[in-house]
Amino acid sequence: MGHQYGRSRAAVYNEAGEFEAALQASTEEIAREADNSEHHLDRATALAALERYDEAVEAFEHAQELDRESAVLDDDMLDDAYFSALLGAARATATTAPTNVATACEKLTRYAGRFPSGRHLTDAVDWQKRLRGELKSTFVKERLE
């Protein structure tokens, strides 16, 4: 995989769907530049694609914290990616046992704290209702293998 000017190796791997390679590359890049929010975003993106949602959520949060000073990340993209990982983490938690639904719903409350004006505030509330069985899901996307 060749490097593309202006893009990290991890970003190129993520775009190519090579998520294990992206995770490894982002880990190496973070070791060299620990305060670079883009490297943490690349890591979070790879972790989410690998369905390691709890780790992805932590990495997205760290990227957002680092980006407060540098302001290089696209806020809308970060908003969407963070909510997606948070929802993945909540759904994974809820499906492990019915007693975990409260914990899953609690995960979704983190969204409003991170994105108080975010685009997914209503979605986060609706998904809590869905997980508790209070709101029917009318459409569920199936993951392509």
C-alpha atoms as a PDB file:
ATOM      1  CA  MET A   1       0.000   0.000   0.000  1.00  0.00           C
ATOM      2  CA  GLY A   2       1.616   3.216  -1.117  1.00  0.00           C
ATOM      3  CA  HIS A   3       1.498   6.415   0.897  1.00  0.00           C
ATOM      4  CA  GLN A   4      -0.615   9.285  -0.393  1.00  0.00           C
ATOM      5  CA  TYR A   5       0.703  12.804   0.093  1.00  0.00           C
ATOM      6  CA  GLY A   6      -0.941  14.570   3.013  1.00  0.00           C
ATOM      7  CA  ARG A   7      -2.539  11.416   4.423  1.00  0.00           C
ATOM      8  CA  SER A   8      -1.309   9.064   7.080  1.00  0.00           C
ATOM      9  CA  ARG A   9      -0.633   5.422   6.321  1.00  0.00           C
ATOM     10  CA  ALA A  10      -3.446   4.497   8.691  1.00  0.00           C
ATOM     11  CA  ALA A  11      -5.942   6.708   6.814  1.00  0.00           C
ATOM     12  CA  VAL A  12      -4.955   5.081   3.529  1.00  0.00           C
ATOM     13  CA  TYR A  13      -5.357   1.611   5.052  1.00  0.00           C
ATOM     14  CA  ASN A  14      -8.740   2.541   6.529  1.00  0.00           C
ATOM     15  CA  GLU A  15      -9.956   3.764   3.162  1.00  0.00           C
ATOM     16  CA  ALA A  16      -8.775   0.517   1.554  1.00  0.00           C
ATOM     17  CA  GLY A  17     -10.656  -1.540   4.145  1.00  0.00           C
ATOM     18  CA  GLU A  18      -7.449  -2.923   5.654  1.00  0.00           C
ATOM     19  CA  PHE A  19      -8.426  -2.217   9.249  1.00  0.00           C
ATOM     20  CA  GLU A  20      -5.883  -4.405  11.069  1.00  0.00           C
ATOM     21  CA  ALA A  21      -3.118  -2.694   9.091  1.00  0.00           C
ATOM     22  CA  ALA A  22      -4.700   0.693   9.854  1.00  0.00           C
ATOM     23  CA  LEU A  23      -4.768  -0.137  13.548  1.00  0.00           C
ATOM     24  CA  GLN A  24      -1.100  -1.110  13.500  1.00  0.00           C
ATOM     25  CA  ALA A  25      -0.103   1.967  11.488  1.00  0.00           C
ATOM     26  CA  SER A  26      -2.074   4.329  13.736  1.00  0.00           C
ATOM     27  CA  THR A  27      -0.487   2.772  16.831  1.00  0.00           C
ATOM     28  CA  GLU A  28       2.963   3.427  15.347  1.00  0.00           C
ATOM     29  CA  GLU A  29       1.991   6.972  14.371  1.00  0.00           C
ATOM     30  CA  ILE A  30       0.660   7.683  17.882  1.00  0.00           C
ATOM     31  CA  ALA A  31       3.965   6.445  19.327  1.00  0.00           C
ATOM     32  CA  ARG A  32       5.732   9.102  17.228  1.00  0.00           C
ATOM     33  CA  GLU A  33       3.177  11.919  17.613  1.00  0.00           C
ATOM     34  CA  ALA A  34       0.998  11.232  20.646  1.00  0.00           C
ATOM     35  CA  ASP A  35      -0.717  14.638  20.523  1.00  0.00           C
ATOM     36  CA  ASN A  36      -1.852  14.356  16.899  1.00  0.00           C
ATOM     37  CA  SER A  37      -5.652  14.070  16.888  1.00  0.00           C
ATOM     38  CA  GLU A  38      -5.680  12.690  13.341  1.00  0.00           C
ATOM     39  CA  HIS A  39      -3.724   9.605  14.401  1.00  0.00           C
ATOM     40  CA  HIS A  40      -6.199   8.947  17.204  1.00  0.00           C
ATOM     41  CA  LEU A  41      -9.073   9.414  14.755  1.00  0.00           C
ATOM     42  CA  ASP A  42      -7.469   6.881  12.406  1.00  0.00           C
ATOM     43  CA  ARG A  43      -7.132   4.460  15.319  1.00  0.00           C
ATOM     44  CA  ALA A  44     -10.761   4.983  16.359  1.00  0.00           C
ATOM     45  CA  THR A  45     -11.956   4.461  12.798  1.00  0.00           C
ATOM     46  CA  ALA A  46     -10.072   1.174  12.510  1.00  0.00           C
ATOM     47  CA  LEU A  47     -11.319  -0.035  15.897  1.00  0.00           C
ATOM     48  CA  ALA A  48     -14.930   0.771  14.969  1.00  0.00           C
ATOM     49  CA  ALA A  49     -14.595  -1.061  11.665  1.00  0.00           C
ATOM     50  CA  LEU A  50     -13.223  -4.065  13.570  1.00  0.00           C
ATOM     51  CA  GLU A  51     -16.306  -3.867  15.834  1.00  0.00           C
ATOM     52  CA  ARG A  52     -14.175  -3.099  18.877  1.00  0.00           C
ATOM     53  CA  TYR A  53     -16.672  -0.419  19.772  1.00  0.00           C
ATOM     54  CA  ASP A  54     -15.783   0.330  23.385  1.00  0.00           C
ATOM     55  CA  GLU A  55     -12.155   0.909  22.409  1.00  0.00           C
ATOM     56  CA  ALA A  56     -13.277   2.986  19.422  1.00  0.00           C
ATOM     57  CA  VAL A  57     -15.425   5.208  21.646  1.00  0.00           C
ATOM     58  CA  GLU A  58     -12.455   5.875  23.929  1.00  0.00           C
ATOM     59  CA  ALA A  59     -10.217   6.648  20.941  1.00  0.00           C
ATOM     60  CA  PHE A  60     -12.800   9.017  19.390  1.00  0.00           C
ATOM     61  CA  GLU A  61     -13.124  10.811  22.724  1.00  0.00           C
ATOM     62  CA  HIS A  62      -9.354  11.155  22.991  1.00  0.00           C
ATOM     63  CA  ALA A  63      -9.140  12.465  19.419  1.00  0.00           C
ATOM     64  CA  GLN A  64     -11.818  15.038  20.199  1.00  0.00           C
ATOM     65  CA  GLU A  65      -9.990  16.175  23.345  1.00  0.00           C
ATOM     66  CA  LEU A  66      -6.711  16.583  21.465  1.00  0.00           C
ATOM     67  CA  ASP A  67      -8.462  18.413  18.653  1.00  0.00           C
ATOM     68  CA  ARG A  68      -9.725  21.181  20.935  1.00  0.00           C
ATOM     69  CA  GLU A  69      -6.414  22.982  20.396  1.00  0.00           C
ATOM     70  CA  SER A  70      -5.465  21.961  16.863  1.00  0.00           C
ATOM     71  CA  ALA A  71      -8.991  22.020  15.361  1.00  0.00           C
ATOM     72  CA  VAL A  72      -8.027  19.955  12.319  1.00  0.00           C
ATOM     73  CA  LEU A  73     -10.741  17.289  12.474  1.00  0.00           C
ATOM     74  CA  ASP A  74     -14.035  17.632  10.638  1.00  0.00           C
ATOM     75  CA  ASP A  75     -16.588  18.074  13.444  1.00  0.00           C
ATOM     76  CA  ASP A  76     -19.494  16.609  11.458  1.00  0.00           C
ATOM     77  CA  MET A  77     -17.503  13.516  10.514  1.00  0.00           C
ATOM     78  CA  LEU A  78     -16.339  13.080  14.107  1.00  0.00           C
ATOM     79  CA  ASP A  79     -19.920  13.534  15.348  1.00  0.00           C
ATOM     80  CA  ASP A  80     -21.227  10.811  13.011  1.00  0.00           C
ATOM     81  CA  ALA A  81     -18.366   8.391  13.614  1.00  0.00           C
ATOM     82  CA  TYR A  82     -18.536   8.821  17.388  1.00  0.00           C
ATOM     83  CA  PHE A  83     -22.291   8.253  17.507  1.00  0.00           C
ATOM     84  CA  SER A  84     -21.973   5.181  15.298  1.00  0.00           C
ATOM     85  CA  ALA A  85     -19.306   3.669  17.566  1.00  0.00           C
ATOM     86  CA  LEU A  86     -21.283   4.580  20.674  1.00  0.00           C
ATOM     87  CA  LEU A  87     -24.391   2.931  19.250  1.00  0.00           C
ATOM     88  CA  GLY A  88     -22.367  -0.148  18.305  1.00  0.00           C
ATOM     89  CA  ALA A  89     -21.027  -0.352  21.863  1.00  0.00           C
ATOM     90  CA  ALA A  90     -24.504   0.085  23.355  1.00  0.00           C
ATOM     91  CA  ARG A  91     -26.093  -2.529  21.097  1.00  0.00           C
ATOM     92  CA  ALA A  92     -23.287  -5.004  21.759  1.00  0.00           C
ATOM     93  CA  THR A  93     -23.707  -4.503  25.503  1.00  0.00           C
ATOM     94  CA  ALA A  94     -27.496  -4.871  25.343  1.00  0.00           C
ATOM     95  CA  THR A  95     -27.375  -8.100  23.336  1.00  0.00           C
ATOM     96  CA  THR A  96     -25.074  -9.901  25.762  1.00  0.00           C
ATOM     97  CA  ALA A  97     -27.789 -10.143  28.430  1.00  0.00           C
ATOM     98  CA  PRO A  98     -31.155  -8.488  29.132  1.00  0.00           C
ATOM     99  CA  THR A  99     -29.776  -7.185  32.431  1.00  0.00           C
ATOM    100  CA  ASN A 100     -27.241  -5.092  30.502  1.00  0.00           C
ATOM    101  CA  VAL A 101     -29.831  -2.832  28.858  1.00  0.00           C
ATOM    102  CA  ALA A 102     -29.458  -0.122  31.530  1.00  0.00           C
ATOM    103  CA  THR A 103     -25.683  -0.140  31.032  1.00  0.00           C
ATOM    104  CA  ALA A 104     -26.164   0.063  27.266  1.00  0.00           C
ATOM    105  CA  CYS A 105     -28.531   3.031  27.626  1.00  0.00           C
ATOM    106  CA  GLU A 106     -26.068   4.742  29.931  1.00  0.00           C
ATOM    107  CA  LYS A 107     -23.418   4.513  27.209  1.00  0.00           C
ATOM    108  CA  LEU A 108     -25.668   6.445  24.855  1.00  0.00           C
ATOM    109  CA  THR A 109     -26.012   9.290  27.357  1.00  0.00           C
ATOM    110  CA  ARG A 110     -22.322  10.061  26.773  1.00  0.00           C
ATOM    111  CA  TYR A 111     -23.202  11.460  23.348  1.00  0.00           C
ATOM    112  CA  ALA A 112     -24.918  14.605  24.679  1.00  0.00           C
ATOM    113  CA  GLY A 113     -21.933  15.333  26.896  1.00  0.00           C
ATOM    114  CA  ARG A 114     -19.542  15.189  23.955  1.00  0.00           C
ATOM    115  CA  PHE A 115     -21.774  16.819  21.351  1.00  0.00           C
ATOM    116  CA  PRO A 116     -24.277  19.057  23.189  1.00  0.00           C
ATOM    117  CA  SER A 117     -25.445  20.483  19.838  1.00  0.00           C
ATOM    118  CA  GLY A 118     -24.813  17.275  17.910  1.00  0.00           C
ATOM    119  CA  ARG A 119     -26.879  15.899  15.071  1.00  0.00           C
ATOM    120  CA  HIS A 120     -27.703  12.670  16.908  1.00  0.00           C
ATOM    121  CA  LEU A 121     -29.212  13.915  20.165  1.00  0.00           C
ATOM    122  CA  THR A 122     -32.674  12.633  19.237  1.00  0.00           C
ATOM    123  CA  ASP A 123     -31.194   9.418  17.849  1.00  0.00           C
ATOM    124  CA  ALA A 124     -29.437   8.741  21.157  1.00  0.00           C
ATOM    125  CA  VAL A 125     -32.717   9.110  23.067  1.00  0.00           C
ATOM    126  CA  ASP A 126     -34.635   7.029  20.514  1.00  0.00           C
ATOM    127  CA  TRP A 127     -32.057   4.243  20.661  1.00  0.00           C
ATOM    128  CA  GLN A 128     -32.312   4.125  24.434  1.00  0.00           C
ATOM    129  CA  LYS A 129     -36.042   3.592  23.995  1.00  0.00           C
ATOM    130  CA  ARG A 130     -35.416   0.901  21.370  1.00  0.00           C
ATOM    131  CA  LEU A 131     -32.996  -0.934  23.620  1.00  0.00           C
ATOM    132  CA  ARG A 132     -35.542  -0.863  26.461  1.00  0.00           C
ATOM    133  CA  GLY A 133     -38.272  -2.129  24.091  1.00  0.00           C
ATOM    134  CA  GLU A 134     -40.245   1.110  24.275  1.00  0.00           C
ATOM    135  CA  LEU A 135     -39.836   2.043  20.605  1.00  0.00           C
ATOM    136  CA  LYS A 136     -40.078  -0.340  17.699  1.00  0.00           C
ATOM    137  CA  SER A 137     -37.294  -0.370  15.141  1.00  0.00           C
ATOM    138  CA  THR A 138     -38.894  -0.145  11.734  1.00  0.00           C
ATOM    139  CA  PHE A 139     -35.716  -0.490   9.708  1.00  0.00           C
ATOM    140  CA  VAL A 140     -32.460  -2.166  10.596  1.00  0.00           C
ATOM    141  CA  LYS A 141     -29.579  -2.103   8.154  1.00  0.00           C
ATOM    142  CA  GLU A 142     -27.981  -5.465   7.612  1.00  0.00           C
ATOM    143  CA  ARG A 143     -24.214  -5.531   7.560  1.00  0.00           C
ATOM    144  CA  LEU A 144     -22.698  -6.655   4.275  1.00  0.00           C
ATOM    145  CA  GLU A 145     -20.152  -9.412   4.668  1.00  0.00           C
END
